[in-house]
């Protein structure tokens, strides 16, 4: 079973940047379309960005032009570069397969807080 560990979150001011990492335990990770999800307090989990095994990407409209999803299959790692952060980006960020129905066990996520 593949395990994932998210890291890289923190507290940042509006307009700042963070780079999140998702480390997978097994190399089979490279075969899957992967995604970053986020869940803000009191809200449903939201799909933020996806990346196929070949590197094709897609983003929710609210983050287009600001976030970049990438992956390094040799290192079993996925990334989310977040620029021009806004308070509404505040959430716990998770990584998993897309769709998550076929995914891994959820990790603990990493907290991103955007605040003055």
N, C-alpha and C. Protein backbone atom coordinates (compact mmCIF):
# COMPACT_ATOMS: atom_id res chain seq x y z
N UNK A 1 0.84 -1.18 0.00
CA UNK A 1 0.00 0.00 0.00
C UNK A 1 0.88 1.24 0.00
N UNK A 2 0.53 2.19 -0.86
CA UNK A 2 1.29 3.41 -0.96
C UNK A 2 0.90 4.35 0.17
N UNK A 3 1.89 4.89 0.83
CA UNK A 3 1.69 5.92 1.84
C UNK A 3 2.21 7.24 1.30
N UNK A 4 1.54 8.33 1.65
CA UNK A 4 1.98 9.65 1.24
C UNK A 4 2.15 10.54 2.45
N UNK A 5 3.13 11.41 2.37
CA UNK A 5 3.42 12.36 3.44
C UNK A 5 3.55 13.74 2.83
N UNK A 6 2.71 14.66 3.29
CA UNK A 6 2.74 16.03 2.81
C UNK A 6 3.59 16.89 3.74
N UNK A 7 4.26 17.87 3.16
CA UNK A 7 5.08 18.78 3.95
C UNK A 7 5.22 20.11 3.22
N UNK A 8 5.73 21.09 3.91
CA UNK A 8 6.04 22.37 3.30
C UNK A 8 5.10 23.50 3.63
N UNK A 9 4.03 23.22 4.35
CA UNK A 9 3.09 24.26 4.70
C UNK A 9 3.65 25.19 5.75
N UNK A 10 2.88 26.23 6.03
CA UNK A 10 3.30 27.20 7.02
C UNK A 10 2.44 28.43 6.98
N UNK A 11 2.89 29.44 7.70
CA UNK A 11 2.21 30.72 7.77
C UNK A 11 2.90 31.69 6.82
N UNK A 12 2.13 32.34 5.97
CA UNK A 12 2.69 33.27 5.00
C UNK A 12 1.74 34.45 4.84
N UNK A 13 2.30 35.61 4.55
CA UNK A 13 1.48 36.79 4.31
C UNK A 13 0.87 36.76 2.91
N UNK A 14 -0.25 37.45 2.72
CA UNK A 14 -0.82 37.54 1.37
C UNK A 14 0.23 38.02 0.37
N UNK A 15 0.23 37.38 -0.80
CA UNK A 15 1.21 37.68 -1.82
C UNK A 15 2.47 36.84 -1.74
N UNK A 16 2.63 36.10 -0.67
CA UNK A 16 3.80 35.27 -0.49
C UNK A 16 3.71 33.95 -1.23
N UNK A 17 4.74 33.11 -1.02
CA UNK A 17 4.85 31.84 -1.73
C UNK A 17 5.19 30.72 -0.77
N UNK A 18 4.75 29.52 -1.13
CA UNK A 18 5.13 28.30 -0.45
C UNK A 18 5.28 27.20 -1.49
N UNK A 19 6.11 26.21 -1.18
CA UNK A 19 6.24 25.03 -2.02
C UNK A 19 5.94 23.80 -1.19
N UNK A 20 4.88 23.10 -1.54
CA UNK A 20 4.49 21.89 -0.84
C UNK A 20 5.09 20.67 -1.51
N UNK A 21 5.38 19.66 -0.71
CA UNK A 21 5.91 18.40 -1.21
C UNK A 21 5.02 17.25 -0.77
N UNK A 22 4.92 16.24 -1.61
CA UNK A 22 4.20 15.01 -1.33
C UNK A 22 5.12 13.86 -1.65
N UNK A 23 5.54 13.15 -0.63
CA UNK A 23 6.46 12.03 -0.80
C UNK A 23 5.69 10.73 -0.71
N UNK A 24 5.81 9.89 -1.72
CA UNK A 24 5.15 8.59 -1.75
C UNK A 24 6.13 7.50 -1.39
N UNK A 25 5.62 6.43 -0.81
CA UNK A 25 6.47 5.38 -0.28
C UNK A 25 6.94 4.38 -1.31
N UNK A 26 6.26 4.29 -2.46
CA UNK A 26 6.56 3.27 -3.44
C UNK A 26 6.62 3.87 -4.84
N UNK A 27 7.44 3.25 -5.69
CA UNK A 27 7.66 3.78 -7.03
C UNK A 27 6.45 3.61 -7.95
N UNK A 28 5.50 2.76 -7.59
CA UNK A 28 4.29 2.62 -8.40
C UNK A 28 3.54 3.95 -8.52
N UNK A 29 3.84 4.86 -7.62
CA UNK A 29 3.35 6.23 -7.68
C UNK A 29 3.44 6.81 -9.09
N UNK A 30 4.48 6.48 -9.80
CA UNK A 30 4.74 7.08 -11.11
C UNK A 30 3.69 6.75 -12.15
N UNK A 31 2.88 5.71 -11.91
CA UNK A 31 1.89 5.27 -12.87
C UNK A 31 0.57 6.03 -12.79
N UNK A 32 0.38 6.81 -11.75
CA UNK A 32 -0.93 7.35 -11.44
C UNK A 32 -1.05 8.83 -11.75
N UNK A 33 -2.26 9.22 -12.15
CA UNK A 33 -2.61 10.63 -12.10
C UNK A 33 -2.74 11.03 -10.63
N UNK A 34 -2.06 12.09 -10.28
CA UNK A 34 -2.05 12.55 -8.89
C UNK A 34 -2.68 13.92 -8.78
N UNK A 35 -3.00 14.29 -7.55
CA UNK A 35 -3.68 15.55 -7.33
C UNK A 35 -3.34 16.13 -5.97
N UNK A 36 -3.44 17.44 -5.89
CA UNK A 36 -3.47 18.15 -4.62
C UNK A 36 -4.92 18.53 -4.33
N UNK A 37 -5.30 18.30 -3.09
CA UNK A 37 -6.60 18.69 -2.58
C UNK A 37 -6.40 19.64 -1.41
N UNK A 38 -7.44 20.38 -1.07
CA UNK A 38 -7.38 21.20 0.13
C UNK A 38 -8.74 21.25 0.79
N UNK A 39 -8.71 21.47 2.09
CA UNK A 39 -9.94 21.58 2.86
C UNK A 39 -9.80 22.73 3.84
N UNK A 40 -10.62 23.74 3.65
CA UNK A 40 -10.66 24.88 4.55
C UNK A 40 -11.62 24.59 5.69
N UNK A 41 -11.47 25.27 6.81
CA UNK A 41 -12.36 25.03 7.95
C UNK A 41 -13.82 25.21 7.57
N UNK A 42 -14.63 24.22 7.90
CA UNK A 42 -16.06 24.28 7.65
C UNK A 42 -16.47 24.08 6.21
N UNK A 43 -15.54 23.71 5.34
CA UNK A 43 -15.85 23.54 3.93
C UNK A 43 -15.51 22.13 3.46
N UNK A 44 -16.06 21.77 2.32
CA UNK A 44 -15.79 20.48 1.71
C UNK A 44 -14.38 20.46 1.13
N UNK A 45 -13.82 19.27 1.04
CA UNK A 45 -12.53 19.11 0.39
C UNK A 45 -12.65 19.48 -1.08
N UNK A 46 -11.67 20.18 -1.58
CA UNK A 46 -11.67 20.71 -2.94
C UNK A 46 -10.48 20.18 -3.72
N UNK A 47 -10.72 19.79 -4.95
CA UNK A 47 -9.63 19.42 -5.84
C UNK A 47 -8.97 20.70 -6.36
N UNK A 48 -7.66 20.79 -6.19
CA UNK A 48 -6.92 22.00 -6.54
C UNK A 48 -6.19 21.86 -7.87
N UNK A 49 -5.47 20.76 -8.05
CA UNK A 49 -4.65 20.59 -9.24
C UNK A 49 -4.40 19.12 -9.47
N UNK A 50 -4.23 18.74 -10.74
CA UNK A 50 -3.95 17.36 -11.09
C UNK A 50 -2.74 17.31 -12.02
N UNK A 51 -2.09 16.16 -12.02
CA UNK A 51 -0.98 15.92 -12.94
C UNK A 51 -0.98 14.45 -13.32
N UNK A 52 -0.93 14.17 -14.62
CA UNK A 52 -0.90 12.80 -15.10
C UNK A 52 0.50 12.23 -14.98
N UNK A 53 0.60 10.92 -15.22
CA UNK A 53 1.91 10.28 -15.19
C UNK A 53 2.85 10.88 -16.22
N UNK A 54 2.29 11.40 -17.31
CA UNK A 54 3.10 12.02 -18.35
C UNK A 54 3.36 13.50 -18.16
N UNK A 55 2.76 14.09 -17.12
CA UNK A 55 3.04 15.48 -16.82
C UNK A 55 2.00 16.49 -17.27
N UNK A 56 0.88 16.05 -17.82
CA UNK A 56 -0.19 16.98 -18.17
C UNK A 56 -0.87 17.47 -16.90
N UNK A 57 -1.17 18.75 -16.86
CA UNK A 57 -1.69 19.37 -15.64
C UNK A 57 -3.03 20.04 -15.86
N UNK A 58 -3.76 20.21 -14.77
CA UNK A 58 -5.00 20.95 -14.78
C UNK A 58 -5.18 21.57 -13.40
N UNK A 59 -5.94 22.68 -13.35
CA UNK A 59 -6.09 23.44 -12.12
C UNK A 59 -7.51 23.93 -11.97
N UNK A 60 -7.93 24.05 -10.73
CA UNK A 60 -9.18 24.73 -10.46
C UNK A 60 -9.00 26.20 -10.82
N UNK A 61 -10.07 26.84 -11.30
CA UNK A 61 -9.96 28.20 -11.82
C UNK A 61 -9.35 29.17 -10.82
N UNK A 62 -9.65 28.99 -9.56
CA UNK A 62 -9.23 29.95 -8.55
C UNK A 62 -7.72 30.00 -8.34
N UNK A 63 -6.98 28.99 -8.81
CA UNK A 63 -5.54 28.98 -8.62
C UNK A 63 -4.76 29.06 -9.92
N UNK A 64 -5.43 29.07 -11.05
CA UNK A 64 -4.74 29.15 -12.33
C UNK A 64 -3.89 30.40 -12.41
N UNK A 65 -2.67 30.23 -12.88
CA UNK A 65 -1.74 31.33 -12.97
C UNK A 65 -0.97 31.61 -11.72
N UNK A 66 -1.36 30.98 -10.61
CA UNK A 66 -0.68 31.19 -9.34
C UNK A 66 0.00 29.93 -8.82
N UNK A 67 -0.61 28.77 -9.05
CA UNK A 67 -0.08 27.50 -8.56
C UNK A 67 0.47 26.69 -9.72
N UNK A 68 1.51 25.90 -9.44
CA UNK A 68 2.08 25.00 -10.41
C UNK A 68 2.29 23.63 -9.77
N UNK A 69 1.67 22.61 -10.34
CA UNK A 69 1.86 21.24 -9.87
C UNK A 69 2.94 20.58 -10.72
N UNK A 70 3.78 19.79 -10.09
CA UNK A 70 4.84 19.09 -10.79
C UNK A 70 5.13 17.78 -10.07
N UNK A 71 5.93 16.93 -10.72
CA UNK A 71 6.28 15.67 -10.09
C UNK A 71 7.66 15.24 -10.53
N UNK A 72 8.32 14.48 -9.67
CA UNK A 72 9.60 13.86 -9.96
C UNK A 72 9.41 12.38 -9.70
N UNK A 73 9.11 11.63 -10.75
CA UNK A 73 8.80 10.22 -10.57
C UNK A 73 9.99 9.41 -10.06
N UNK A 74 11.19 9.83 -10.43
CA UNK A 74 12.37 9.13 -9.95
C UNK A 74 12.51 9.23 -8.44
N UNK A 75 11.97 10.30 -7.87
CA UNK A 75 12.04 10.51 -6.43
C UNK A 75 10.72 10.21 -5.73
N UNK A 76 9.73 9.75 -6.47
CA UNK A 76 8.41 9.45 -5.91
C UNK A 76 7.83 10.65 -5.17
N UNK A 77 7.97 11.81 -5.77
CA UNK A 77 7.59 13.04 -5.10
C UNK A 77 6.80 13.94 -6.03
N UNK A 78 5.79 14.60 -5.47
CA UNK A 78 5.00 15.58 -6.19
C UNK A 78 5.09 16.91 -5.44
N UNK A 79 4.96 18.00 -6.18
CA UNK A 79 5.11 19.32 -5.61
C UNK A 79 3.95 20.22 -5.99
N UNK A 80 3.73 21.22 -5.18
CA UNK A 80 2.80 22.30 -5.51
C UNK A 80 3.48 23.61 -5.16
N UNK A 81 3.88 24.35 -6.18
CA UNK A 81 4.43 25.68 -5.99
C UNK A 81 3.27 26.66 -5.95
N UNK A 82 3.16 27.40 -4.87
CA UNK A 82 2.05 28.33 -4.67
C UNK A 82 2.61 29.73 -4.58
N UNK A 83 2.23 30.58 -5.52
CA UNK A 83 2.65 31.96 -5.54
C UNK A 83 1.44 32.87 -5.40
N UNK A 84 1.71 34.12 -5.07
CA UNK A 84 0.65 35.13 -4.94
C UNK A 84 -0.48 34.62 -4.06
N UNK A 85 -0.12 34.09 -2.92
CA UNK A 85 -1.10 33.46 -2.05
C UNK A 85 -2.11 34.47 -1.51
N UNK A 86 -3.33 34.00 -1.36
CA UNK A 86 -4.44 34.79 -0.88
C UNK A 86 -5.00 34.18 0.39
N UNK A 87 -5.66 34.97 1.23
CA UNK A 87 -6.26 34.40 2.44
C UNK A 87 -7.19 33.23 2.16
N UNK A 88 -7.89 33.26 1.04
CA UNK A 88 -8.80 32.17 0.71
C UNK A 88 -8.09 30.87 0.34
N UNK A 89 -6.77 30.91 0.21
CA UNK A 89 -6.00 29.69 0.01
C UNK A 89 -5.74 28.95 1.32
N UNK A 90 -6.08 29.56 2.43
CA UNK A 90 -5.86 28.93 3.73
C UNK A 90 -6.64 27.63 3.82
N UNK A 91 -5.93 26.54 4.11
CA UNK A 91 -6.54 25.22 4.16
C UNK A 91 -5.49 24.21 4.56
N UNK A 92 -5.94 23.00 4.85
CA UNK A 92 -5.03 21.87 4.95
C UNK A 92 -4.93 21.26 3.56
N UNK A 93 -3.72 21.07 3.08
CA UNK A 93 -3.48 20.55 1.74
C UNK A 93 -3.07 19.09 1.81
N UNK A 94 -3.70 18.29 0.96
CA UNK A 94 -3.46 16.86 0.91
C UNK A 94 -3.08 16.43 -0.50
N UNK A 95 -2.34 15.34 -0.61
CA UNK A 95 -2.10 14.74 -1.92
C UNK A 95 -2.70 13.35 -1.96
N UNK A 96 -3.13 12.95 -3.15
CA UNK A 96 -3.69 11.63 -3.36
C UNK A 96 -3.82 11.41 -4.86
N UNK A 97 -4.32 10.26 -5.24
CA UNK A 97 -4.65 10.00 -6.63
C UNK A 97 -5.87 10.80 -7.03
N UNK A 98 -6.06 10.94 -8.33
CA UNK A 98 -7.28 11.49 -8.88
C UNK A 98 -7.84 10.50 -9.89
N UNK A 99 -9.07 10.03 -9.66
CA UNK A 99 -9.94 10.35 -8.54
C UNK A 99 -9.50 9.66 -7.25
N UNK A 100 -9.80 10.28 -6.14
CA UNK A 100 -9.37 9.74 -4.86
C UNK A 100 -10.09 8.46 -4.49
N UNK A 101 -11.18 8.16 -5.19
CA UNK A 101 -11.88 6.90 -4.97
C UNK A 101 -10.94 5.71 -5.11
N UNK A 102 -9.98 5.83 -6.01
CA UNK A 102 -9.01 4.78 -6.25
C UNK A 102 -7.68 5.05 -5.56
N UNK A 103 -7.70 5.96 -4.60
CA UNK A 103 -6.47 6.49 -4.07
C UNK A 103 -5.90 5.77 -2.89
N UNK A 104 -4.91 6.44 -2.33
CA UNK A 104 -4.20 5.93 -1.17
C UNK A 104 -4.89 6.36 0.10
N UNK A 105 -4.44 5.81 1.21
CA UNK A 105 -4.90 6.33 2.49
C UNK A 105 -4.49 7.79 2.60
N UNK A 106 -5.39 8.60 3.13
CA UNK A 106 -5.08 10.01 3.30
C UNK A 106 -3.99 10.22 4.33
N UNK A 107 -3.08 11.11 4.02
CA UNK A 107 -2.07 11.49 4.99
C UNK A 107 -2.60 12.53 5.95
N UNK A 108 -1.70 13.10 6.73
CA UNK A 108 -2.09 14.12 7.70
C UNK A 108 -2.32 15.49 7.06
N UNK A 109 -1.82 15.67 5.85
CA UNK A 109 -1.91 16.96 5.20
C UNK A 109 -0.90 17.93 5.78
N UNK A 110 -0.83 19.10 5.15
CA UNK A 110 0.05 20.15 5.64
C UNK A 110 -0.73 21.46 5.64
N UNK A 111 -0.65 22.18 6.75
CA UNK A 111 -1.44 23.38 6.95
C UNK A 111 -0.81 24.57 6.24
N UNK A 112 -1.62 25.25 5.44
CA UNK A 112 -1.22 26.50 4.81
C UNK A 112 -2.11 27.60 5.37
N UNK A 113 -1.51 28.60 5.96
CA UNK A 113 -2.25 29.73 6.50
C UNK A 113 -1.74 31.00 5.86
N UNK A 114 -2.63 31.73 5.22
CA UNK A 114 -2.29 32.98 4.55
C UNK A 114 -3.00 34.10 5.31
N UNK A 115 -2.23 34.91 5.98
CA UNK A 115 -2.82 35.93 6.85
C UNK A 115 -1.83 37.05 7.09
N UNK A 116 -2.38 38.26 7.28
CA UNK A 116 -1.57 39.39 7.66
C UNK A 116 -1.31 39.42 9.15
